[in-house]
Amino acid sequence: MSLVTSLLIVAGAFVTATLSGVFGMAGGLVLMGALALVLPVQAAFVTHGLLQLVANCWRAILHRRHVRWDIIGWYALGSVAAAATVAALTFTPSKPLLYLLLGLIPGLLWLPRTWLQLDAARPPQAVLSGLSVTGLNLTAGVAGPLLDIFFVRTELTRHAIVATKAATQVLAHLAKIIVYGAPLLGASRSGLPPAGVFAIAVPLSMAGAVVGAQILERMSDVDFKRWTRWVVTATGALYLAQAARLWLGA
């Protein structure tokens, strides 16, 4: 792996963990697209899963007193079911399809609230959240905007939203590591970054989560929701352009 690629992964780990620390999901979307530029799709999924697992776990720890553990328990039931299904299908998207999915996902944030009456605080919908969000995470690499739909109608504060979503994503990324990482075990050319890159990127992900938490403290709930939508949408537009470029160039 080249030095430039290694530096991109390391820098991306910090920047995207900071974004996720602020908005709860934008960082994962940015990181997935960046990794897919420089790594094979399967290796990008595993690398993304490892880095986001650390970032989300640390963010959940930082905001642990705000986590709604009842939601996490119900979410886990759906998450396990989704992981088992995708593992049985052995599906891996191509790069053009991956960028198309990444580009379309932000559109979920613009659906009229009256269309979907979803609330993660309700047990049946928390299970549905785990099933659908983990399923999308395992096919597109990220699912933050879909997860957000289950939280926009809750009465949770911005701290509780970020903390609970981080805890749910620990489960989703763990599923991604297992489903896509298992076939790479023992492979001579897995495409994964060397251990040294992870050794640097992991603590930087934790540092990014701390920085993001400090920025979050200075935001209002209104600004938090408004900026989340626009940051994620702009990222999605870039990914749609990348998908078109890959398909036209194929």
C-alpha atoms as a PDB file:
ATOM      1  CA  MET A   1       0.000   0.000   0.000  1.00  0.00           C
ATOM      2  CA  SER A   2       1.357   3.428  -0.998  1.00  0.00           C
ATOM      3  CA  LEU A   3       2.173   6.154   1.511  1.00  0.00           C
ATOM      4  CA  VAL A   4      -0.467   8.450  -0.015  1.00  0.00           C
ATOM      5  CA  THR A   5      -3.182   5.823   0.446  1.00  0.00           C
ATOM      6  CA  SER A   6      -2.105   5.183   4.025  1.00  0.00           C
ATOM      7  CA  LEU A   7      -2.136   8.910   4.831  1.00  0.00           C
ATOM      8  CA  LEU A   8      -5.582   9.269   3.255  1.00  0.00           C
ATOM      9  CA  ILE A   9      -6.963   6.510   5.475  1.00  0.00           C
ATOM     10  CA  VAL A  10      -5.350   7.912   8.617  1.00  0.00           C
ATOM     11  CA  ALA A  11      -6.471  11.492   7.958  1.00  0.00           C
ATOM     12  CA  GLY A  12      -9.920  10.301   6.938  1.00  0.00           C
ATOM     13  CA  ALA A  13     -10.296   8.403  10.205  1.00  0.00           C
ATOM     14  CA  PHE A  14      -9.828  11.591  12.237  1.00  0.00           C
ATOM     15  CA  VAL A  15     -11.865  13.953  10.059  1.00  0.00           C
ATOM     16  CA  THR A  16     -14.821  11.602   9.634  1.00  0.00           C
ATOM     17  CA  ALA A  17     -14.870  10.636  13.319  1.00  0.00           C
ATOM     18  CA  THR A  18     -15.087  14.355  14.087  1.00  0.00           C
ATOM     19  CA  LEU A  19     -17.987  14.761  11.647  1.00  0.00           C
ATOM     20  CA  SER A  20     -19.787  11.804  13.179  1.00  0.00           C
ATOM     21  CA  GLY A  21     -19.154  13.229  16.623  1.00  0.00           C
ATOM     22  CA  VAL A  22     -21.013  16.360  15.579  1.00  0.00           C
ATOM     23  CA  PHE A  23     -23.774  15.066  13.314  1.00  0.00           C
ATOM     24  CA  GLY A  24     -24.013  11.410  14.283  1.00  0.00           C
ATOM     25  CA  MET A  25     -23.770  10.036  10.745  1.00  0.00           C
ATOM     26  CA  ALA A  26     -22.046  12.279   8.151  1.00  0.00           C
ATOM     27  CA  GLY A  27     -18.579  10.934   8.944  1.00  0.00           C
ATOM     28  CA  GLY A  28     -19.424   7.359   8.052  1.00  0.00           C
ATOM     29  CA  LEU A  29     -20.805   8.429   4.670  1.00  0.00           C
ATOM     30  CA  VAL A  30     -17.682  10.451   3.841  1.00  0.00           C
ATOM     31  CA  LEU A  31     -15.304   7.724   5.022  1.00  0.00           C
ATOM     32  CA  MET A  32     -17.007   4.953   3.023  1.00  0.00           C
ATOM     33  CA  GLY A  33     -16.686   6.905  -0.206  1.00  0.00           C
ATOM     34  CA  ALA A  34     -13.057   7.782   0.475  1.00  0.00           C
ATOM     35  CA  LEU A  35     -12.102   4.182   1.245  1.00  0.00           C
ATOM     36  CA  ALA A  36     -13.857   2.892  -1.878  1.00  0.00           C
ATOM     37  CA  LEU A  37     -11.629   5.186  -3.935  1.00  0.00           C
ATOM     38  CA  VAL A  38      -8.434   3.479  -2.799  1.00  0.00           C
ATOM     39  CA  LEU A  39      -9.425  -0.053  -1.697  1.00  0.00           C
ATOM     40  CA  PRO A  40     -11.310  -3.033  -3.159  1.00  0.00           C
ATOM     41  CA  VAL A  41     -14.974  -2.953  -2.133  1.00  0.00           C
ATOM     42  CA  GLN A  42     -14.783  -5.873   0.312  1.00  0.00           C
ATOM     43  CA  ALA A  43     -11.645  -4.484   1.982  1.00  0.00           C
ATOM     44  CA  ALA A  44     -13.252  -1.020   2.099  1.00  0.00           C
ATOM     45  CA  PHE A  45     -16.260  -2.472   3.935  1.00  0.00           C
ATOM     46  CA  VAL A  46     -14.073  -4.165   6.545  1.00  0.00           C
ATOM     47  CA  THR A  47     -11.781  -1.136   7.002  1.00  0.00           C
ATOM     48  CA  HIS A  48     -14.778   1.166   7.281  1.00  0.00           C
ATOM     49  CA  GLY A  49     -16.347  -1.196   9.791  1.00  0.00           C
ATOM     50  CA  LEU A  50     -13.252  -1.316  11.979  1.00  0.00           C
ATOM     51  CA  LEU A  51     -12.672   2.432  12.031  1.00  0.00           C
ATOM     52  CA  GLN A  52     -16.329   3.309  12.503  1.00  0.00           C
ATOM     53  CA  LEU A  53     -16.698   0.637  15.183  1.00  0.00           C
ATOM     54  CA  VAL A  54     -14.012   2.370  17.245  1.00  0.00           C
ATOM     55  CA  ALA A  55     -15.374   5.866  16.566  1.00  0.00           C
ATOM     56  CA  ASN A  56     -18.961   4.916  17.403  1.00  0.00           C
ATOM     57  CA  CYS A  57     -18.008   2.867  20.450  1.00  0.00           C
ATOM     58  CA  TRP A  58     -15.923   5.704  21.848  1.00  0.00           C
ATOM     59  CA  ARG A  59     -18.656   8.237  21.076  1.00  0.00           C
ATOM     60  CA  ALA A  60     -21.193   6.042  22.880  1.00  0.00           C
ATOM     61  CA  ILE A  61     -18.852   5.874  25.873  1.00  0.00           C
ATOM     62  CA  LEU A  62     -18.378   9.656  25.898  1.00  0.00           C
ATOM     63  CA  HIS A  63     -22.157  10.161  25.943  1.00  0.00           C
ATOM     64  CA  ARG A  64     -22.996   6.957  27.847  1.00  0.00           C
ATOM     65  CA  ARG A  65     -25.320   8.662  30.312  1.00  0.00           C
ATOM     66  CA  HIS A  66     -27.530   9.708  27.377  1.00  0.00           C
ATOM     67  CA  VAL A  67     -27.804   6.261  25.707  1.00  0.00           C
ATOM     68  CA  ARG A  68     -31.300   4.768  25.612  1.00  0.00           C
ATOM     69  CA  TRP A  69     -30.448   1.119  26.291  1.00  0.00           C
ATOM     70  CA  ASP A  70     -34.023  -0.050  25.831  1.00  0.00           C
ATOM     71  CA  ILE A  71     -33.828   1.074  22.195  1.00  0.00           C
ATOM     72  CA  ILE A  72     -30.468  -0.681  21.779  1.00  0.00           C
ATOM     73  CA  GLY A  73     -31.873  -3.990  23.004  1.00  0.00           C
ATOM     74  CA  TRP A  74     -34.754  -4.034  20.529  1.00  0.00           C
ATOM     75  CA  TYR A  75     -32.509  -2.750  17.724  1.00  0.00           C
ATOM     76  CA  ALA A  76     -30.106  -5.655  18.301  1.00  0.00           C
ATOM     77  CA  LEU A  77     -32.823  -8.215  17.499  1.00  0.00           C
ATOM     78  CA  GLY A  78     -33.365  -6.780  14.025  1.00  0.00           C
ATOM     79  CA  SER A  79     -29.652  -6.254  13.464  1.00  0.00           C
ATOM     80  CA  VAL A  80     -28.803  -9.924  14.056  1.00  0.00           C
ATOM     81  CA  ALA A  81     -31.557 -11.034  11.658  1.00  0.00           C
ATOM     82  CA  ALA A  82     -30.277  -8.700   8.917  1.00  0.00           C
ATOM     83  CA  ALA A  83     -26.670  -9.852   9.327  1.00  0.00           C
ATOM     84  CA  ALA A  84     -27.662 -13.518   9.071  1.00  0.00           C
ATOM     85  CA  THR A  85     -29.664 -12.844   5.888  1.00  0.00           C
ATOM     86  CA  VAL A  86     -26.934 -10.891   4.065  1.00  0.00           C
ATOM     87  CA  ALA A  87     -24.281 -13.430   5.102  1.00  0.00           C
ATOM     88  CA  ALA A  88     -26.380 -16.200   3.582  1.00  0.00           C
ATOM     89  CA  LEU A  89     -26.748 -14.255   0.310  1.00  0.00           C
ATOM     90  CA  THR A  90     -22.963 -13.531   0.050  1.00  0.00           C
ATOM     91  CA  PHE A  91     -23.643 -10.217  -1.720  1.00  0.00           C
ATOM     92  CA  THR A  92     -20.900  -7.672  -2.501  1.00  0.00           C
ATOM     93  CA  PRO A  93     -21.739  -4.549  -4.578  1.00  0.00           C
ATOM     94  CA  SER A  94     -19.575  -3.313  -7.454  1.00  0.00           C
ATOM     95  CA  LYS A  95     -17.948   0.104  -7.080  1.00  0.00           C
ATOM     96  CA  PRO A  96     -20.381   1.900  -9.427  1.00  0.00           C
ATOM     97  CA  LEU A  97     -23.351   0.369  -7.579  1.00  0.00           C
ATOM     98  CA  LEU A  98     -21.779   1.239  -4.228  1.00  0.00           C
ATOM     99  CA  TYR A  99     -21.400   4.915  -5.150  1.00  0.00           C
ATOM    100  CA  LEU A 100     -24.935   4.973  -6.563  1.00  0.00           C
ATOM    101  CA  LEU A 101     -26.310   3.641  -3.281  1.00  0.00           C
ATOM    102  CA  LEU A 102     -24.157   6.072  -1.284  1.00  0.00           C
ATOM    103  CA  GLY A 103     -25.469   8.925  -3.422  1.00  0.00           C
ATOM    104  CA  LEU A 104     -29.124   7.952  -3.094  1.00  0.00           C
ATOM    105  CA  ILE A 105     -29.116   7.337   0.668  1.00  0.00           C
ATOM    106  CA  PRO A 106     -29.093  11.079   1.620  1.00  0.00           C
ATOM    107  CA  GLY A 107     -32.393  11.462  -0.243  1.00  0.00           C
ATOM    108  CA  LEU A 108     -34.032   9.714   2.693  1.00  0.00           C
ATOM    109  CA  LEU A 109     -33.482  12.862   4.769  1.00  0.00           C
ATOM    110  CA  TRP A 110     -35.791  14.836   2.480  1.00  0.00           C
ATOM    111  CA  LEU A 111     -38.804  12.530   2.711  1.00  0.00           C
ATOM    112  CA  PRO A 112     -41.794  14.419   4.171  1.00  0.00           C
ATOM    113  CA  ARG A 113     -42.189  13.529   7.818  1.00  0.00           C
ATOM    114  CA  THR A 114     -45.854  12.730   7.240  1.00  0.00           C
ATOM    115  CA  TRP A 115     -44.880   9.843   4.938  1.00  0.00           C
ATOM    116  CA  LEU A 116     -43.171   7.778   7.614  1.00  0.00           C
ATOM    117  CA  GLN A 117     -44.439   7.747  11.173  1.00  0.00           C
ATOM    118  CA  LEU A 118     -41.382   6.082  12.704  1.00  0.00           C
ATOM    119  CA  ASP A 119     -40.081   6.378  16.237  1.00  0.00           C
ATOM    120  CA  ALA A 120     -37.153   4.297  17.521  1.00  0.00           C
ATOM    121  CA  ALA A 121     -38.452   4.690  21.068  1.00  0.00           C
ATOM    122  CA  ARG A 122     -41.255   2.244  20.209  1.00  0.00           C
ATOM    123  CA  PRO A 123     -40.056  -1.400  20.516  1.00  0.00           C
ATOM    124  CA  PRO A 124     -41.516  -2.757  17.216  1.00  0.00           C
ATOM    125  CA  GLN A 125     -40.028   0.150  15.291  1.00  0.00           C
ATOM    126  CA  ALA A 126     -36.692  -0.220  17.060  1.00  0.00           C
ATOM    127  CA  VAL A 127     -36.596  -3.831  15.795  1.00  0.00           C
ATOM    128  CA  LEU A 128     -37.504  -2.616  12.282  1.00  0.00           C
ATOM    129  CA  SER A 129     -34.721  -0.049  12.590  1.00  0.00           C
ATOM    130  CA  GLY A 130     -32.163  -2.739  13.397  1.00  0.00           C
ATOM    131  CA  LEU A 131     -33.339  -4.905  10.503  1.00  0.00           C
ATOM    132  CA  SER A 132     -33.446  -2.175   7.841  1.00  0.00           C
ATOM    133  CA  VAL A 133     -30.470  -0.087   8.966  1.00  0.00           C
ATOM    134  CA  THR A 134     -28.112  -3.045   9.370  1.00  0.00           C
ATOM    135  CA  GLY A 135     -29.342  -4.483   6.076  1.00  0.00           C
ATOM    136  CA  LEU A 136     -28.575  -1.236   4.252  1.00  0.00           C
ATOM    137  CA  ASN A 137     -25.260  -0.911   6.083  1.00  0.00           C
ATOM    138  CA  LEU A 138     -24.266  -4.328   4.766  1.00  0.00           C
ATOM    139  CA  THR A 139     -25.180  -3.504   1.165  1.00  0.00           C
ATOM    140  CA  ALA A 140     -24.252   0.180   0.830  1.00  0.00           C
ATOM    141  CA  GLY A 141     -21.675   0.471   3.603  1.00  0.00           C
ATOM    142  CA  VAL A 142     -23.549   3.195   5.503  1.00  0.00           C
ATOM    143  CA  ALA A 143     -27.117   3.799   6.636  1.00  0.00           C
ATOM    144  CA  GLY A 144     -27.021   6.968   8.732  1.00  0.00           C
ATOM    145  CA  PRO A 145     -29.836   8.813   6.894  1.00  0.00           C
ATOM    146  CA  LEU A 146     -32.118   5.783   7.220  1.00  0.00           C
ATOM    147  CA  LEU A 147     -31.306   5.513  10.913  1.00  0.00           C
ATOM    148  CA  ASP A 148     -32.054   9.215  11.281  1.00  0.00           C
ATOM    149  CA  ILE A 149     -35.633   8.655  10.070  1.00  0.00           C
ATOM    150  CA  PHE A 150     -36.259   6.545  13.155  1.00  0.00           C
ATOM    151  CA  PHE A 151     -35.039   9.365  15.421  1.00  0.00           C
ATOM    152  CA  VAL A 152     -36.425  12.587  13.941  1.00  0.00           C
ATOM    153  CA  ARG A 153     -39.803  12.017  15.607  1.00  0.00           C
ATOM    154  CA  THR A 154     -38.470  11.034  19.010  1.00  0.00           C
ATOM    155  CA  GLU A 155     -38.442  13.466  21.895  1.00  0.00           C
ATOM    156  CA  LEU A 156     -34.764  12.787  22.566  1.00  0.00           C
ATOM    157  CA  THR A 157     -32.248  15.630  22.886  1.00  0.00           C
ATOM    158  CA  ARG A 158     -29.348  15.985  20.461  1.00  0.00           C
ATOM    159  CA  HIS A 159     -27.069  14.299  23.009  1.00  0.00           C
ATOM    160  CA  ALA A 160     -29.385  11.313  23.374  1.00  0.00           C
ATOM    161  CA  ILE A 161     -29.762  11.046  19.588  1.00  0.00           C
ATOM    162  CA  VAL A 162     -25.999  11.036  18.976  1.00  0.00           C
ATOM    163  CA  ALA A 163     -25.331   8.649  21.876  1.00  0.00           C
ATOM    164  CA  THR A 164     -28.063   6.128  21.033  1.00  0.00           C
ATOM    165  CA  LYS A 165     -27.335   6.182  17.308  1.00  0.00           C
ATOM    166  CA  ALA A 166     -23.642   5.602  18.059  1.00  0.00           C
ATOM    167  CA  ALA A 167     -24.506   2.550  20.155  1.00  0.00           C
ATOM    168  CA  THR A 168     -26.740   1.131  17.418  1.00  0.00           C
ATOM    169  CA  GLN A 169     -23.983   1.620  14.868  1.00  0.00           C
ATOM    170  CA  VAL A 170     -21.544  -0.352  16.995  1.00  0.00           C
ATOM    171  CA  LEU A 171     -23.782  -3.349  16.271  1.00  0.00           C
ATOM    172  CA  ALA A 172     -24.139  -2.513  12.569  1.00  0.00           C
ATOM    173  CA  HIS A 173     -20.392  -2.114  12.008  1.00  0.00           C
ATOM    174  CA  LEU A 174     -19.612  -5.241  13.983  1.00  0.00           C
ATOM    175  CA  ALA A 175     -21.949  -7.128  11.652  1.00  0.00           C
ATOM    176  CA  LYS A 176     -20.150  -5.620   8.641  1.00  0.00           C
ATOM    177  CA  ILE A 177     -16.750  -6.705   9.947  1.00  0.00           C
ATOM    178  CA  ILE A 178     -17.955 -10.279  10.494  1.00  0.00           C
ATOM    179  CA  VAL A 179     -19.900 -10.666   7.225  1.00  0.00           C
ATOM    180  CA  TYR A 180     -17.238  -9.157   4.930  1.00  0.00           C
ATOM    181  CA  GLY A 181     -14.144  -9.910   6.989  1.00  0.00           C
ATOM    182  CA  ALA A 182     -14.663 -13.660   7.388  1.00  0.00           C
ATOM    183  CA  PRO A 183     -14.055 -14.428   3.671  1.00  0.00           C
ATOM    184  CA  LEU A 184     -10.826 -12.389   3.798  1.00  0.00           C
ATOM    185  CA  LEU A 185      -9.312 -14.414   6.636  1.00  0.00           C
ATOM    186  CA  GLY A 186      -6.273 -16.269   5.386  1.00  0.00           C
ATOM    187  CA  ALA A 187      -6.379 -14.543   1.989  1.00  0.00           C
ATOM    188  CA  SER A 188      -2.897 -13.720   0.701  1.00  0.00           C
ATOM    189  CA  ARG A 189      -4.095 -10.500  -0.974  1.00  0.00           C
ATOM    190  CA  SER A 190      -7.049  -9.267   1.023  1.00  0.00           C
ATOM    191  CA  GLY A 191      -6.539  -5.613   0.071  1.00  0.00           C
ATOM    192  CA  LEU A 192      -6.776  -4.538   3.709  1.00  0.00           C
ATOM    193  CA  PRO A 193      -4.455  -1.783   5.005  1.00  0.00           C
ATOM    194  CA  PRO A 194      -1.466  -2.988   7.054  1.00  0.00           C
ATOM    195  CA  ALA A 195      -1.748  -3.199  10.829  1.00  0.00           C
ATOM    196  CA  GLY A 196       0.398  -0.078  11.235  1.00  0.00           C
ATOM    197  CA  VAL A 197      -2.232   2.045   9.494  1.00  0.00           C
ATOM    198  CA  PHE A 198      -4.918   0.814  11.884  1.00  0.00           C
ATOM    199  CA  ALA A 199      -2.579   1.396  14.838  1.00  0.00           C
ATOM    200  CA  ILE A 200      -2.455   5.097  13.934  1.00  0.00           C
ATOM    201  CA  ALA A 201      -6.002   5.506  12.601  1.00  0.00           C
ATOM    202  CA  VAL A 202      -7.776   3.950  15.609  1.00  0.00           C
ATOM    203  CA  PRO A 203      -6.556   6.456  18.252  1.00  0.00           C
ATOM    204  CA  LEU A 204      -7.165   9.270  15.773  1.00  0.00           C
ATOM    205  CA  SER A 205     -10.763   8.066  15.417  1.00  0.00           C
ATOM    206  CA  MET A 206     -11.111   8.282  19.183  1.00  0.00           C
ATOM    207  CA  ALA A 207      -9.575  11.770  19.175  1.00  0.00           C
ATOM    208  CA  GLY A 208     -11.976  12.830  16.431  1.00  0.00           C
ATOM    209  CA  ALA A 209     -14.914  11.660  18.520  1.00  0.00           C
ATOM    210  CA  VAL A 210     -13.706  13.858  21.401  1.00  0.00           C
ATOM    211  CA  VAL A 211     -13.334  16.901  19.142  1.00  0.00           C
ATOM    212  CA  GLY A 212     -16.764  16.259  17.646  1.00  0.00           C
ATOM    213  CA  ALA A 213     -18.311  16.059  21.108  1.00  0.00           C
ATOM    214  CA  GLN A 214     -16.854  19.472  21.985  1.00  0.00           C
ATOM    215  CA  ILE A 215     -18.291  21.005  18.815  1.00  0.00           C
ATOM    216  CA  LEU A 216     -21.668  19.399  19.519  1.00  0.00           C
ATOM    217  CA  GLU A 217     -21.793  21.126  22.894  1.00  0.00           C
ATOM    218  CA  ARG A 218     -21.715  24.498  21.133  1.00  0.00           C
ATOM    219  CA  MET A 219     -24.572  23.744  18.739  1.00  0.00           C
ATOM    220  CA  SER A 220     -28.293  24.177  19.292  1.00  0.00           C
ATOM    221  CA  ASP A 221     -30.754  21.371  18.526  1.00  0.00           C
ATOM    222  CA  VAL A 222     -32.102  23.418  15.584  1.00  0.00           C
ATOM    223  CA  ASP A 223     -28.668  23.981  14.020  1.00  0.00           C
ATOM    224  CA  PHE A 224     -27.793  20.329  14.606  1.00  0.00           C
ATOM    225  CA  LYS A 225     -30.720  19.046  12.535  1.00  0.00           C
ATOM    226  CA  ARG A 226     -30.401  21.688   9.796  1.00  0.00           C
ATOM    227  CA  TRP A 227     -26.666  21.245   9.183  1.00  0.00           C
ATOM    228  CA  THR A 228     -26.912  17.448   9.290  1.00  0.00           C
ATOM    229  CA  ARG A 229     -29.300  17.456   6.327  1.00  0.00           C
ATOM    230  CA  TRP A 230     -27.197  19.767   4.153  1.00  0.00           C
ATOM    231  CA  VAL A 231     -23.808  18.184   4.879  1.00  0.00           C
ATOM    232  CA  VAL A 232     -25.098  14.703   4.090  1.00  0.00           C
ATOM    233  CA  THR A 233     -26.939  15.868   0.952  1.00  0.00           C
ATOM    234  CA  ALA A 234     -23.857  17.581  -0.489  1.00  0.00           C
ATOM    235  CA  THR A 235     -21.840  14.408   0.077  1.00  0.00           C
ATOM    236  CA  GLY A 236     -24.497  12.331  -1.653  1.00  0.00           C
ATOM    237  CA  ALA A 237     -24.408  14.589  -4.712  1.00  0.00           C
ATOM    238  CA  LEU A 238     -20.667  14.012  -5.063  1.00  0.00           C
ATOM    239  CA  TYR A 239     -21.185  10.250  -4.895  1.00  0.00           C
ATOM    240  CA  LEU A 240     -23.851  10.307  -7.607  1.00  0.00           C
ATOM    241  CA  ALA A 241     -21.380  12.132  -9.845  1.00  0.00           C
ATOM    242  CA  GLN A 242     -18.734   9.490  -9.061  1.00  0.00           C
ATOM    243  CA  ALA A 243     -21.169   6.675  -9.863  1.00  0.00           C
ATOM    244  CA  ALA A 244     -21.975   8.268 -13.223  1.00  0.00           C
ATOM    245  CA  ARG A 245     -18.275   8.706 -13.972  1.00  0.00           C
ATOM    246  CA  LEU A 246     -17.542   5.045 -13.215  1.00  0.00           C
ATOM    247  CA  TRP A 247     -20.423   3.746 -15.307  1.00  0.00           C
ATOM    248  CA  LEU A 248     -19.673   6.019 -18.271  1.00  0.00           C
ATOM    249  CA  GLY A 249     -15.997   5.131 -18.069  1.00  0.00           C
ATOM    250  CA  ALA A 250     -16.677   1.378 -17.855  1.00  0.00           C
END
